[in-house]
Amino acid sequence: MLTTRTLARALGVSESSLKRWADEGRIRATRTAGGHRRITVAEAVRFIRASDAPLAQPGLLGLADLASAPDDLFVAEAQAERLCEHLRSGRSREARALILGLYLRGQSVAAIADGPIREAMRQLGELWRHDEAGVFVEHRATEICTQAVQQIALLIEQPAEGMVAIGGAPRRDPYLLPTLLATSALKNEGVQAVNLGPNTPFEALHEAVRQHRPALVWLSVSHAEEPRKLEQELTRLARSLGEAGVMLVLGGQALHKLHAVRGDNIHIGQSMAELVAFAKGLQAANAPILCPSTTGERAKS
């Protein structure tokens, strides 16, 4: 929780302005027993993203890395190249600052994932072909990106209600970053997203479905050690989810190895933007429809 004074200093504005914004409802604040306003960091970040407010002292919000963010973040063609160079050189602070800076300045998690992160990691993934240190560089870059995305995930306020989605990576798939990005991208759009992480046994996935009753399950397939066996497991999973009225979204760089996964409730996605769009479509389809008389009664009350 932030005081109005701390947030005002972070934004470089007067405390009286911040209090006025809170009273006008532009930024949500709660009151202590003594009547003092308090604002969560997640709400401060939402306000910054919505209003394009600059950050004068990002360290006051626990975002000290942002002091290293370049001023020309929205030069799209430079984002991936600059991130790739930071990651290749091991400049973790600068890489995290770039990713966090894009998010704070309004880009969605899906856009960051599909844009600079995907392209930078694609380039680094090719290094091993002509550089002995390529595997090491790729692993280090993955860890740096993971740190940045985890920090973004902590800045997104998980909705208290609404559609639930569950996901992870199948057994023997060790990749954390794709499913972490998927979780953050969904949370960024108001979905209650539960991340089971990499190497998730299907038994654990079934138990999560039983407990959380999601409308959507996603799986990121970045590694398929036994493609035919995984095809059979995914087909059985899709059948089980279909009986429960749950949709299954599959994505990931190893998905091209699978050819015989069947199910009427399966959607194949090529990007985080597709996953988010599919989830938003489900949200809209499942949203309660208020008839005019009901709407009128609520308005009167």
C-alpha atoms as a PDB file:
ATOM      1  CA  MET A   1       0.000   0.000   0.000  1.00  0.00           C
ATOM      2  CA  LEU A   2       1.238   3.466  -0.907  1.00  0.00           C
ATOM      3  CA  THR A   3       0.541   6.768   0.800  1.00  0.00           C
ATOM      4  CA  THR A   4      -0.602   9.642  -1.397  1.00  0.00           C
ATOM      5  CA  ARG A   5       2.659  11.417  -0.592  1.00  0.00           C
ATOM      6  CA  THR A   6       4.801   8.507  -1.796  1.00  0.00           C
ATOM      7  CA  LEU A   7       2.849   8.039  -5.008  1.00  0.00           C
ATOM      8  CA  ALA A   8       2.845  11.775  -5.680  1.00  0.00           C
ATOM      9  CA  ARG A   9       6.636  11.830  -5.360  1.00  0.00           C
ATOM     10  CA  ALA A  10       6.916   8.791  -7.640  1.00  0.00           C
ATOM     11  CA  LEU A  11       4.817  10.541 -10.302  1.00  0.00           C
ATOM     12  CA  GLY A  12       6.388  13.950  -9.805  1.00  0.00           C
ATOM     13  CA  VAL A  13       3.084  15.667  -8.978  1.00  0.00           C
ATOM     14  CA  SER A  14       1.729  17.459  -5.940  1.00  0.00           C
ATOM     15  CA  GLU A  15       0.038  15.469  -3.209  1.00  0.00           C
ATOM     16  CA  SER A  16      -3.027  17.695  -3.470  1.00  0.00           C
ATOM     17  CA  SER A  17      -3.396  16.747  -7.150  1.00  0.00           C
ATOM     18  CA  LEU A  18      -3.184  13.071  -6.309  1.00  0.00           C
ATOM     19  CA  LYS A  19      -5.797  13.425  -3.556  1.00  0.00           C
ATOM     20  CA  ARG A  20      -8.091  15.219  -5.983  1.00  0.00           C
ATOM     21  CA  TRP A  21      -7.690  12.418  -8.548  1.00  0.00           C
ATOM     22  CA  ALA A  22      -8.555   9.892  -5.857  1.00  0.00           C
ATOM     23  CA  ASP A  23     -11.644  11.857  -4.822  1.00  0.00           C
ATOM     24  CA  GLU A  24     -12.707  12.089  -8.490  1.00  0.00           C
ATOM     25  CA  GLY A  25     -12.369   8.332  -8.884  1.00  0.00           C
ATOM     26  CA  ARG A  26      -9.550   8.498 -11.422  1.00  0.00           C
ATOM     27  CA  ILE A  27      -7.405   6.401  -9.102  1.00  0.00           C
ATOM     28  CA  ARG A  28      -8.913   3.977  -6.581  1.00  0.00           C
ATOM     29  CA  ALA A  29      -7.952   4.534  -2.960  1.00  0.00           C
ATOM     30  CA  THR A  30      -9.046   3.032   0.328  1.00  0.00           C
ATOM     31  CA  ARG A  31      -9.177   4.751   3.707  1.00  0.00           C
ATOM     32  CA  THR A  32      -7.462   3.741   6.899  1.00  0.00           C
ATOM     33  CA  ALA A  33      -9.285   3.840  10.245  1.00  0.00           C
ATOM     34  CA  GLY A  34      -7.844   7.331  10.659  1.00  0.00           C
ATOM     35  CA  GLY A  35      -9.196   8.465   7.277  1.00  0.00           C
ATOM     36  CA  HIS A  36      -5.889   8.464   5.354  1.00  0.00           C
ATOM     37  CA  ARG A  37      -5.923   7.397   1.712  1.00  0.00           C
ATOM     38  CA  ARG A  38      -3.971   4.296   0.684  1.00  0.00           C
ATOM     39  CA  ILE A  39      -3.347   3.055  -2.858  1.00  0.00           C
ATOM     40  CA  THR A  40      -2.095  -0.370  -3.894  1.00  0.00           C
ATOM     41  CA  VAL A  41       0.938  -0.623  -6.175  1.00  0.00           C
ATOM     42  CA  ALA A  42      -1.217  -2.556  -8.677  1.00  0.00           C
ATOM     43  CA  GLU A  43      -3.716   0.333  -8.780  1.00  0.00           C
ATOM     44  CA  ALA A  44      -0.885   2.845  -9.153  1.00  0.00           C
ATOM     45  CA  VAL A  45       0.414   0.854 -12.138  1.00  0.00           C
ATOM     46  CA  ARG A  46      -3.083   0.676 -13.659  1.00  0.00           C
ATOM     47  CA  PHE A  47      -3.389   4.457 -13.353  1.00  0.00           C
ATOM     48  CA  ILE A  48       0.057   5.019 -14.891  1.00  0.00           C
ATOM     49  CA  ARG A  49      -0.797   2.764 -17.844  1.00  0.00           C
ATOM     50  CA  ALA A  50      -4.240   4.311 -18.355  1.00  0.00           C
ATOM     51  CA  SER A  51      -3.136   7.935 -18.099  1.00  0.00           C
ATOM     52  CA  ASP A  52       0.342   7.609 -19.660  1.00  0.00           C
ATOM     53  CA  ALA A  53       1.707   9.332 -16.563  1.00  0.00           C
ATOM     54  CA  PRO A  54       5.506   9.612 -16.429  1.00  0.00           C
ATOM     55  CA  LEU A  55       7.434   8.171 -13.508  1.00  0.00           C
ATOM     56  CA  ALA A  56       9.775  10.642 -11.844  1.00  0.00           C
ATOM     57  CA  GLN A  57      11.041   8.233  -9.162  1.00  0.00           C
ATOM     58  CA  PRO A  58      10.241   4.613 -10.147  1.00  0.00           C
ATOM     59  CA  GLY A  59      12.272   3.291  -7.227  1.00  0.00           C
ATOM     60  CA  LEU A  60       9.546   4.457  -4.831  1.00  0.00           C
ATOM     61  CA  LEU A  61       7.242   1.853  -6.423  1.00  0.00           C
ATOM     62  CA  GLY A  62       9.876  -0.881  -6.254  1.00  0.00           C
ATOM     63  CA  LEU A  63      10.659  -0.373  -9.954  1.00  0.00           C
ATOM     64  CA  ALA A  64      14.203   0.950  -9.745  1.00  0.00           C
ATOM     65  CA  ASP A  65      15.172  -0.882 -12.956  1.00  0.00           C
ATOM     66  CA  LEU A  66      13.003   1.549 -14.934  1.00  0.00           C
ATOM     67  CA  ALA A  67      15.616   4.245 -14.431  1.00  0.00           C
ATOM     68  CA  SER A  68      17.527   2.377 -17.165  1.00  0.00           C
ATOM     69  CA  ALA A  69      14.621   2.360 -19.639  1.00  0.00           C
ATOM     70  CA  PRO A  70      15.354   4.158 -22.940  1.00  0.00           C
ATOM     71  CA  ASP A  71      13.286   7.194 -23.894  1.00  0.00           C
ATOM     72  CA  ASP A  72      12.395   5.870 -27.364  1.00  0.00           C
ATOM     73  CA  LEU A  73      10.602   2.738 -26.168  1.00  0.00           C
ATOM     74  CA  PHE A  74       7.903   2.999 -28.814  1.00  0.00           C
ATOM     75  CA  VAL A  75      10.256   2.848 -31.791  1.00  0.00           C
ATOM     76  CA  ALA A  76       8.941  -0.628 -32.616  1.00  0.00           C
ATOM     77  CA  GLU A  77      11.758  -1.727 -34.904  1.00  0.00           C
ATOM     78  CA  ALA A  78      14.327  -0.985 -32.197  1.00  0.00           C
ATOM     79  CA  GLN A  79      12.668  -2.859 -29.333  1.00  0.00           C
ATOM     80  CA  ALA A  80      13.557  -6.425 -30.320  1.00  0.00           C
ATOM     81  CA  GLU A  81      17.073  -5.543 -31.464  1.00  0.00           C
ATOM     82  CA  ARG A  82      17.822  -3.590 -28.304  1.00  0.00           C
ATOM     83  CA  LEU A  83      16.373  -6.318 -26.072  1.00  0.00           C
ATOM     84  CA  CYS A  84      18.316  -8.992 -27.954  1.00  0.00           C
ATOM     85  CA  GLU A  85      21.564  -7.086 -27.478  1.00  0.00           C
ATOM     86  CA  HIS A  86      20.919  -6.553 -23.747  1.00  0.00           C
ATOM     87  CA  LEU A  87      20.126 -10.243 -23.291  1.00  0.00           C
ATOM     88  CA  ARG A  88      23.072 -11.435 -25.346  1.00  0.00           C
ATOM     89  CA  SER A  89      25.443  -9.262 -23.314  1.00  0.00           C
ATOM     90  CA  GLY A  90      23.891 -10.257 -19.978  1.00  0.00           C
ATOM     91  CA  ARG A  91      22.756  -6.708 -19.193  1.00  0.00           C
ATOM     92  CA  SER A  92      19.897  -7.882 -17.016  1.00  0.00           C
ATOM     93  CA  ARG A  93      18.958  -4.496 -15.531  1.00  0.00           C
ATOM     94  CA  GLU A  94      18.637  -2.865 -18.949  1.00  0.00           C
ATOM     95  CA  ALA A  95      16.681  -5.828 -20.380  1.00  0.00           C
ATOM     96  CA  ARG A  96      14.236  -5.841 -17.468  1.00  0.00           C
ATOM     97  CA  ALA A  97      13.887  -2.049 -17.742  1.00  0.00           C
ATOM     98  CA  LEU A  98      12.962  -2.322 -21.409  1.00  0.00           C
ATOM     99  CA  ILE A  99      10.304  -4.987 -20.808  1.00  0.00           C
ATOM    100  CA  LEU A 100       8.864  -3.242 -17.735  1.00  0.00           C
ATOM    101  CA  GLY A 101       9.005   0.121 -19.489  1.00  0.00           C
ATOM    102  CA  LEU A 102       6.924  -1.160 -22.392  1.00  0.00           C
ATOM    103  CA  TYR A 103       4.318  -2.458 -19.963  1.00  0.00           C
ATOM    104  CA  LEU A 104       4.204   0.729 -17.870  1.00  0.00           C
ATOM    105  CA  ARG A 105       3.763   2.785 -21.023  1.00  0.00           C
ATOM    106  CA  GLY A 106       0.647   0.904 -22.015  1.00  0.00           C
ATOM    107  CA  GLN A 107       1.630  -2.117 -24.084  1.00  0.00           C
ATOM    108  CA  SER A 108      -0.212  -5.330 -23.265  1.00  0.00           C
ATOM    109  CA  VAL A 109       1.653  -8.390 -22.019  1.00  0.00           C
ATOM    110  CA  ALA A 110       0.518 -10.232 -25.162  1.00  0.00           C
ATOM    111  CA  ALA A 111       2.026  -7.543 -27.412  1.00  0.00           C
ATOM    112  CA  ILE A 112       5.326  -7.613 -25.516  1.00  0.00           C
ATOM    113  CA  ALA A 113       5.409 -11.417 -25.667  1.00  0.00           C
ATOM    114  CA  ASP A 114       4.562 -11.630 -29.373  1.00  0.00           C
ATOM    115  CA  GLY A 115       6.855  -8.739 -30.264  1.00  0.00           C
ATOM    116  CA  PRO A 116      10.246  -8.024 -28.681  1.00  0.00           C
ATOM    117  CA  ILE A 117      10.482 -11.073 -26.402  1.00  0.00           C
ATOM    118  CA  ARG A 118       9.608 -13.575 -29.141  1.00  0.00           C
ATOM    119  CA  GLU A 119      11.932 -12.005 -31.704  1.00  0.00           C
ATOM    120  CA  ALA A 120      14.840 -11.570 -29.266  1.00  0.00           C
ATOM    121  CA  MET A 121      14.559 -15.158 -28.033  1.00  0.00           C
ATOM    122  CA  ARG A 122      14.285 -16.426 -31.624  1.00  0.00           C
ATOM    123  CA  GLN A 123      17.542 -14.719 -32.522  1.00  0.00           C
ATOM    124  CA  LEU A 124      19.305 -15.956 -29.394  1.00  0.00           C
ATOM    125  CA  GLY A 125      17.986 -19.476 -29.995  1.00  0.00           C
ATOM    126  CA  GLU A 126      19.995 -19.596 -33.229  1.00  0.00           C
ATOM    127  CA  LEU A 127      23.335 -18.765 -31.589  1.00  0.00           C
ATOM    128  CA  TRP A 128      24.239 -22.371 -30.748  1.00  0.00           C
ATOM    129  CA  ARG A 129      24.634 -23.116 -34.474  1.00  0.00           C
ATOM    130  CA  HIS A 130      27.786 -21.000 -34.721  1.00  0.00           C
ATOM    131  CA  ASP A 131      28.728 -20.067 -31.139  1.00  0.00           C
ATOM    132  CA  GLU A 132      29.721 -22.536 -28.411  1.00  0.00           C
ATOM    133  CA  ALA A 133      28.354 -20.187 -25.770  1.00  0.00           C
ATOM    134  CA  GLY A 134      24.955 -20.040 -27.467  1.00  0.00           C
ATOM    135  CA  VAL A 135      23.160 -22.417 -25.109  1.00  0.00           C
ATOM    136  CA  PHE A 136      24.474 -20.572 -22.057  1.00  0.00           C
ATOM    137  CA  VAL A 137      23.418 -17.206 -23.493  1.00  0.00           C
ATOM    138  CA  GLU A 138      19.923 -18.499 -24.286  1.00  0.00           C
ATOM    139  CA  HIS A 139      19.454 -19.931 -20.779  1.00  0.00           C
ATOM    140  CA  ARG A 140      20.633 -16.693 -19.164  1.00  0.00           C
ATOM    141  CA  ALA A 141      18.357 -14.645 -21.422  1.00  0.00           C
ATOM    142  CA  THR A 142      15.384 -16.843 -20.529  1.00  0.00           C
ATOM    143  CA  GLU A 143      16.017 -16.269 -16.838  1.00  0.00           C
ATOM    144  CA  ILE A 144      16.256 -12.493 -17.305  1.00  0.00           C
ATOM    145  CA  CYS A 145      12.988 -12.374 -19.265  1.00  0.00           C
ATOM    146  CA  THR A 146      11.350 -14.593 -16.662  1.00  0.00           C
ATOM    147  CA  GLN A 147      12.367 -12.171 -13.907  1.00  0.00           C
ATOM    148  CA  ALA A 148      10.837  -9.249 -15.804  1.00  0.00           C
ATOM    149  CA  VAL A 149       7.568 -11.061 -16.552  1.00  0.00           C
ATOM    150  CA  GLN A 150       7.276 -12.257 -12.951  1.00  0.00           C
ATOM    151  CA  GLN A 151       7.617  -8.646 -11.831  1.00  0.00           C
ATOM    152  CA  ILE A 152       4.893  -7.584 -14.263  1.00  0.00           C
ATOM    153  CA  ALA A 153       2.653 -10.396 -12.972  1.00  0.00           C
ATOM    154  CA  LEU A 154       2.998  -9.006  -9.453  1.00  0.00           C
ATOM    155  CA  LEU A 155       1.885  -5.581 -10.717  1.00  0.00           C
ATOM    156  CA  ILE A 156      -1.378  -6.919 -12.151  1.00  0.00           C
ATOM    157  CA  GLU A 157      -4.293  -7.071  -9.768  1.00  0.00           C
ATOM    158  CA  GLN A 158      -5.942 -10.497 -10.014  1.00  0.00           C
ATOM    159  CA  PRO A 159      -9.702 -10.051 -10.493  1.00  0.00           C
ATOM    160  CA  ALA A 160     -11.845 -11.295  -7.613  1.00  0.00           C
ATOM    161  CA  GLU A 161     -14.459 -12.720  -9.955  1.00  0.00           C
ATOM    162  CA  GLY A 162     -15.015 -13.522 -13.606  1.00  0.00           C
ATOM    163  CA  MET A 163     -13.826 -16.215 -15.965  1.00  0.00           C
ATOM    164  CA  VAL A 164     -11.229 -18.689 -14.722  1.00  0.00           C
ATOM    165  CA  ALA A 165      -8.483 -20.141 -16.919  1.00  0.00           C
ATOM    166  CA  ILE A 166      -5.896 -22.783 -15.978  1.00  0.00           C
ATOM    167  CA  GLY A 167      -2.747 -23.664 -17.819  1.00  0.00           C
ATOM    168  CA  GLY A 168       0.791 -24.929 -17.838  1.00  0.00           C
ATOM    169  CA  ALA A 169       3.157 -27.055 -19.877  1.00  0.00           C
ATOM    170  CA  PRO A 170       2.828 -30.853 -20.239  1.00  0.00           C
ATOM    171  CA  ARG A 171       4.934 -33.420 -18.434  1.00  0.00           C
ATOM    172  CA  ARG A 172       8.604 -33.378 -19.544  1.00  0.00           C
ATOM    173  CA  ASP A 173       8.228 -29.879 -20.943  1.00  0.00           C
ATOM    174  CA  PRO A 174      10.590 -27.794 -18.764  1.00  0.00           C
ATOM    175  CA  TYR A 175       9.943 -24.352 -20.257  1.00  0.00           C
ATOM    176  CA  LEU A 176       8.649 -21.817 -17.719  1.00  0.00           C
ATOM    177  CA  LEU A 177       8.622 -18.570 -19.714  1.00  0.00           C
ATOM    178  CA  PRO A 178       5.819 -19.375 -22.238  1.00  0.00           C
ATOM    179  CA  THR A 179       3.268 -20.427 -19.635  1.00  0.00           C
ATOM    180  CA  LEU A 180       4.254 -17.518 -17.376  1.00  0.00           C
ATOM    181  CA  LEU A 181       3.660 -15.142 -20.278  1.00  0.00           C
ATOM    182  CA  ALA A 182       0.296 -16.773 -20.985  1.00  0.00           C
ATOM    183  CA  THR A 183      -0.767 -16.380 -17.359  1.00  0.00           C
ATOM    184  CA  SER A 184       0.282 -12.724 -17.234  1.00  0.00           C
ATOM    185  CA  ALA A 185      -1.336 -11.952 -20.597  1.00  0.00           C
ATOM    186  CA  LEU A 186      -4.656 -13.397 -19.405  1.00  0.00           C
ATOM    187  CA  LYS A 187      -4.500 -11.639 -16.023  1.00  0.00           C
ATOM    188  CA  ASN A 188      -3.767  -8.410 -17.877  1.00  0.00           C
ATOM    189  CA  GLU A 189      -7.177  -8.800 -19.571  1.00  0.00           C
ATOM    190  CA  GLY A 190      -9.140  -9.488 -16.377  1.00  0.00           C
ATOM    191  CA  VAL A 191      -9.089 -13.298 -16.453  1.00  0.00           C
ATOM    192  CA  GLN A 192      -8.539 -15.227 -13.223  1.00  0.00           C
ATOM    193  CA  ALA A 193      -5.527 -17.174 -14.488  1.00  0.00           C
ATOM    194  CA  VAL A 194      -3.993 -20.075 -12.548  1.00  0.00           C
ATOM    195  CA  ASN A 195      -0.504 -21.113 -13.678  1.00  0.00           C
ATOM    196  CA  LEU A 196       0.513 -24.717 -12.965  1.00  0.00           C
ATOM    197  CA  GLY A 197       3.911 -24.129 -14.530  1.00  0.00           C
ATOM    198  CA  PRO A 198       6.150 -26.429 -16.560  1.00  0.00           C
ATOM    199  CA  ASN A 199       6.240 -30.235 -16.390  1.00  0.00           C
ATOM    200  CA  THR A 200       2.598 -30.505 -15.274  1.00  0.00           C
ATOM    201  CA  PRO A 201       1.217 -34.056 -15.008  1.00  0.00           C
ATOM    202  CA  PHE A 202      -2.232 -34.399 -16.546  1.00  0.00           C
ATOM    203  CA  GLU A 203      -3.458 -35.819 -13.233  1.00  0.00           C
ATOM    204  CA  ALA A 204      -2.614 -32.493 -11.588  1.00  0.00           C
ATOM    205  CA  LEU A 205      -4.343 -30.652 -14.400  1.00  0.00           C
ATOM    206  CA  HIS A 206      -7.526 -32.701 -13.923  1.00  0.00           C
ATOM    207  CA  GLU A 207      -7.468 -31.958 -10.183  1.00  0.00           C
ATOM    208  CA  ALA A 208      -7.042 -28.236 -10.870  1.00  0.00           C
ATOM    209  CA  VAL A 209     -10.022 -28.338 -13.235  1.00  0.00           C
ATOM    210  CA  ARG A 210     -12.098 -30.099 -10.590  1.00  0.00           C
ATOM    211  CA  GLN A 211     -11.251 -27.496  -7.950  1.00  0.00           C
ATOM    212  CA  HIS A 212     -11.322 -24.279  -9.995  1.00  0.00           C
ATOM    213  CA  ARG A 213     -13.992 -25.131 -12.625  1.00  0.00           C
ATOM    214  CA  PRO A 214     -12.398 -23.071 -15.417  1.00  0.00           C
ATOM    215  CA  ALA A 215     -13.982 -22.159 -18.732  1.00  0.00           C
ATOM    216  CA  LEU A 216     -10.611 -22.460 -20.449  1.00  0.00           C
ATOM    217  CA  VAL A 217      -7.502 -24.627 -20.145  1.00  0.00           C
ATOM    218  CA  TRP A 218      -4.371 -23.712 -22.080  1.00  0.00           C
ATOM    219  CA  LEU A 219      -1.201 -25.737 -22.626  1.00  0.00           C
ATOM    220  CA  SER A 220       2.088 -24.443 -23.980  1.00  0.00           C
ATOM    221  CA  VAL A 221       3.910 -27.221 -25.877  1.00  0.00           C
ATOM    222  CA  SER A 222       7.515 -26.077 -26.236  1.00  0.00           C
ATOM    223  CA  HIS A 223       9.023 -29.573 -26.063  1.00  0.00           C
ATOM    224  CA  ALA A 224       7.536 -32.878 -27.222  1.00  0.00           C
ATOM    225  CA  GLU A 225       9.826 -35.758 -26.303  1.00  0.00           C
ATOM    226  CA  GLU A 226       7.306 -38.426 -27.338  1.00  0.00           C
ATOM    227  CA  PRO A 227       4.943 -36.761 -29.850  1.00  0.00           C
ATOM    228  CA  ARG A 228       2.666 -39.762 -30.476  1.00  0.00           C
ATOM    229  CA  LYS A 229       2.164 -40.401 -26.767  1.00  0.00           C
ATOM    230  CA  LEU A 230       1.504 -36.697 -26.149  1.00  0.00           C
ATOM    231  CA  GLU A 231      -1.055 -36.683 -28.975  1.00  0.00           C
ATOM    232  CA  GLN A 232      -2.979 -39.476 -27.275  1.00  0.00           C
ATOM    233  CA  GLU A 233      -2.823 -37.788 -23.873  1.00  0.00           C
ATOM    234  CA  LEU A 234      -4.018 -34.457 -25.294  1.00  0.00           C
ATOM    235  CA  THR A 235      -6.873 -36.168 -27.146  1.00  0.00           C
ATOM    236  CA  ARG A 236      -8.012 -37.834 -23.925  1.00  0.00           C
ATOM    237  CA  LEU A 237      -7.649 -34.539 -22.069  1.00  0.00           C
ATOM    238  CA  ALA A 238      -9.717 -32.723 -24.693  1.00  0.00           C
ATOM    239  CA  ARG A 239     -12.451 -35.363 -24.458  1.00  0.00           C
ATOM    240  CA  SER A 240     -12.564 -35.096 -20.669  1.00  0.00           C
ATOM    241  CA  LEU A 241     -12.617 -31.287 -20.762  1.00  0.00           C
ATOM    242  CA  GLY A 242     -15.301 -31.319 -23.436  1.00  0.00           C
ATOM    243  CA  GLU A 243     -17.572 -33.394 -21.223  1.00  0.00           C
ATOM    244  CA  ALA A 244     -17.188 -30.678 -18.585  1.00  0.00           C
ATOM    245  CA  GLY A 245     -17.839 -27.872 -21.081  1.00  0.00           C
ATOM    246  CA  VAL A 246     -14.243 -26.615 -20.946  1.00  0.00           C
ATOM    247  CA  MET A 247     -12.321 -25.331 -23.975  1.00  0.00           C
ATOM    248  CA  LEU A 248      -8.694 -26.356 -24.576  1.00  0.00           C
ATOM    249  CA  VAL A 249      -6.228 -23.971 -26.249  1.00  0.00           C
ATOM    250  CA  LEU A 250      -2.909 -25.370 -27.462  1.00  0.00           C
ATOM    251  CA  GLY A 251       0.131 -23.380 -28.489  1.00  0.00           C
ATOM    252  CA  GLY A 252       3.903 -23.515 -28.430  1.00  0.00           C
ATOM    253  CA  GLN A 253       6.882 -23.942 -30.721  1.00  0.00           C
ATOM    254  CA  ALA A 254       6.759 -27.773 -30.637  1.00  0.00           C
ATOM    255  CA  LEU A 255       3.105 -28.007 -31.585  1.00  0.00           C
ATOM    256  CA  HIS A 256       4.020 -28.666 -35.226  1.00  0.00           C
ATOM    257  CA  LYS A 257       5.231 -32.130 -34.159  1.00  0.00           C
ATOM    258  CA  LEU A 258       1.689 -33.102 -33.182  1.00  0.00           C
ATOM    259  CA  HIS A 259      -0.692 -34.043 -35.991  1.00  0.00           C
ATOM    260  CA  ALA A 260      -3.393 -36.270 -34.535  1.00  0.00           C
ATOM    261  CA  VAL A 261      -4.771 -34.353 -31.572  1.00  0.00           C
ATOM    262  CA  ARG A 262      -8.551 -34.434 -31.913  1.00  0.00           C
ATOM    263  CA  GLY A 263     -11.431 -32.723 -30.158  1.00  0.00           C
ATOM    264  CA  ASP A 264     -14.292 -30.397 -31.002  1.00  0.00           C
ATOM    265  CA  ASN A 265     -13.330 -28.184 -28.080  1.00  0.00           C
ATOM    266  CA  ILE A 266      -9.690 -27.635 -29.164  1.00  0.00           C
ATOM    267  CA  HIS A 267      -8.362 -24.332 -30.463  1.00  0.00           C
ATOM    268  CA  ILE A 268      -4.825 -24.080 -31.878  1.00  0.00           C
ATOM    269  CA  GLY A 269      -3.170 -20.715 -31.277  1.00  0.00           C
ATOM    270  CA  GLN A 270      -0.064 -19.181 -32.807  1.00  0.00           C
ATOM    271  CA  SER A 271       0.419 -16.244 -30.446  1.00  0.00           C
ATOM    272  CA  MET A 272      -0.387 -14.813 -27.037  1.00  0.00           C
ATOM    273  CA  ALA A 273      -2.696 -12.337 -28.758  1.00  0.00           C
ATOM    274  CA  GLU A 274      -4.747 -15.276 -30.095  1.00  0.00           C
ATOM    275  CA  LEU A 275      -4.974 -16.819 -26.634  1.00  0.00           C
ATOM    276  CA  VAL A 276      -6.166 -13.520 -25.171  1.00  0.00           C
ATOM    277  CA  ALA A 277      -8.670 -12.960 -27.992  1.00  0.00           C
ATOM    278  CA  PHE A 278     -10.073 -16.462 -27.554  1.00  0.00           C
ATOM    279  CA  ALA A 279     -10.432 -15.937 -23.793  1.00  0.00           C
ATOM    280  CA  LYS A 280     -12.159 -12.588 -24.299  1.00  0.00           C
ATOM    281  CA  GLY A 281     -14.541 -14.255 -26.741  1.00  0.00           C
ATOM    282  CA  LEU A 282     -15.427 -16.841 -24.102  1.00  0.00           C
ATOM    283  CA  GLN A 283     -15.887 -14.056 -21.553  1.00  0.00           C
ATOM    284  CA  ALA A 284     -18.299 -12.247 -23.838  1.00  0.00           C
ATOM    285  CA  ALA A 285     -20.222 -15.444 -24.647  1.00  0.00           C
ATOM    286  CA  ASN A 286     -20.605 -16.341 -20.964  1.00  0.00           C
ATOM    287  CA  ALA A 287     -21.396 -12.818 -19.716  1.00  0.00           C
ATOM    288  CA  PRO A 288     -24.879 -12.490 -18.167  1.00  0.00           C
ATOM    289  CA  ILE A 289     -27.370 -10.678 -20.361  1.00  0.00           C
ATOM    290  CA  LEU A 290     -29.627  -8.218 -18.540  1.00  0.00           C
ATOM    291  CA  CYS A 291     -33.089  -7.681 -19.959  1.00  0.00           C
ATOM    292  CA  PRO A 292     -34.334  -4.060 -20.146  1.00  0.00           C
ATOM    293  CA  SER A 293     -36.677  -4.470 -17.186  1.00  0.00           C
ATOM    294  CA  THR A 294     -33.884  -5.849 -15.001  1.00  0.00           C
ATOM    295  CA  THR A 295     -31.534  -3.090 -16.087  1.00  0.00           C
ATOM    296  CA  GLY A 296     -34.207  -0.512 -15.259  1.00  0.00           C
ATOM    297  CA  GLU A 297     -34.785  -1.954 -11.797  1.00  0.00           C
ATOM    298  CA  ARG A 298     -31.045  -1.856 -11.082  1.00  0.00           C
ATOM    299  CA  ALA A 299     -30.865   1.734 -12.263  1.00  0.00           C
ATOM    300  CA  LYS A 300     -33.711   2.695  -9.942  1.00  0.00           C
ATOM    301  CA  SER A 301     -32.037   1.009  -6.968  1.00  0.00           C
END
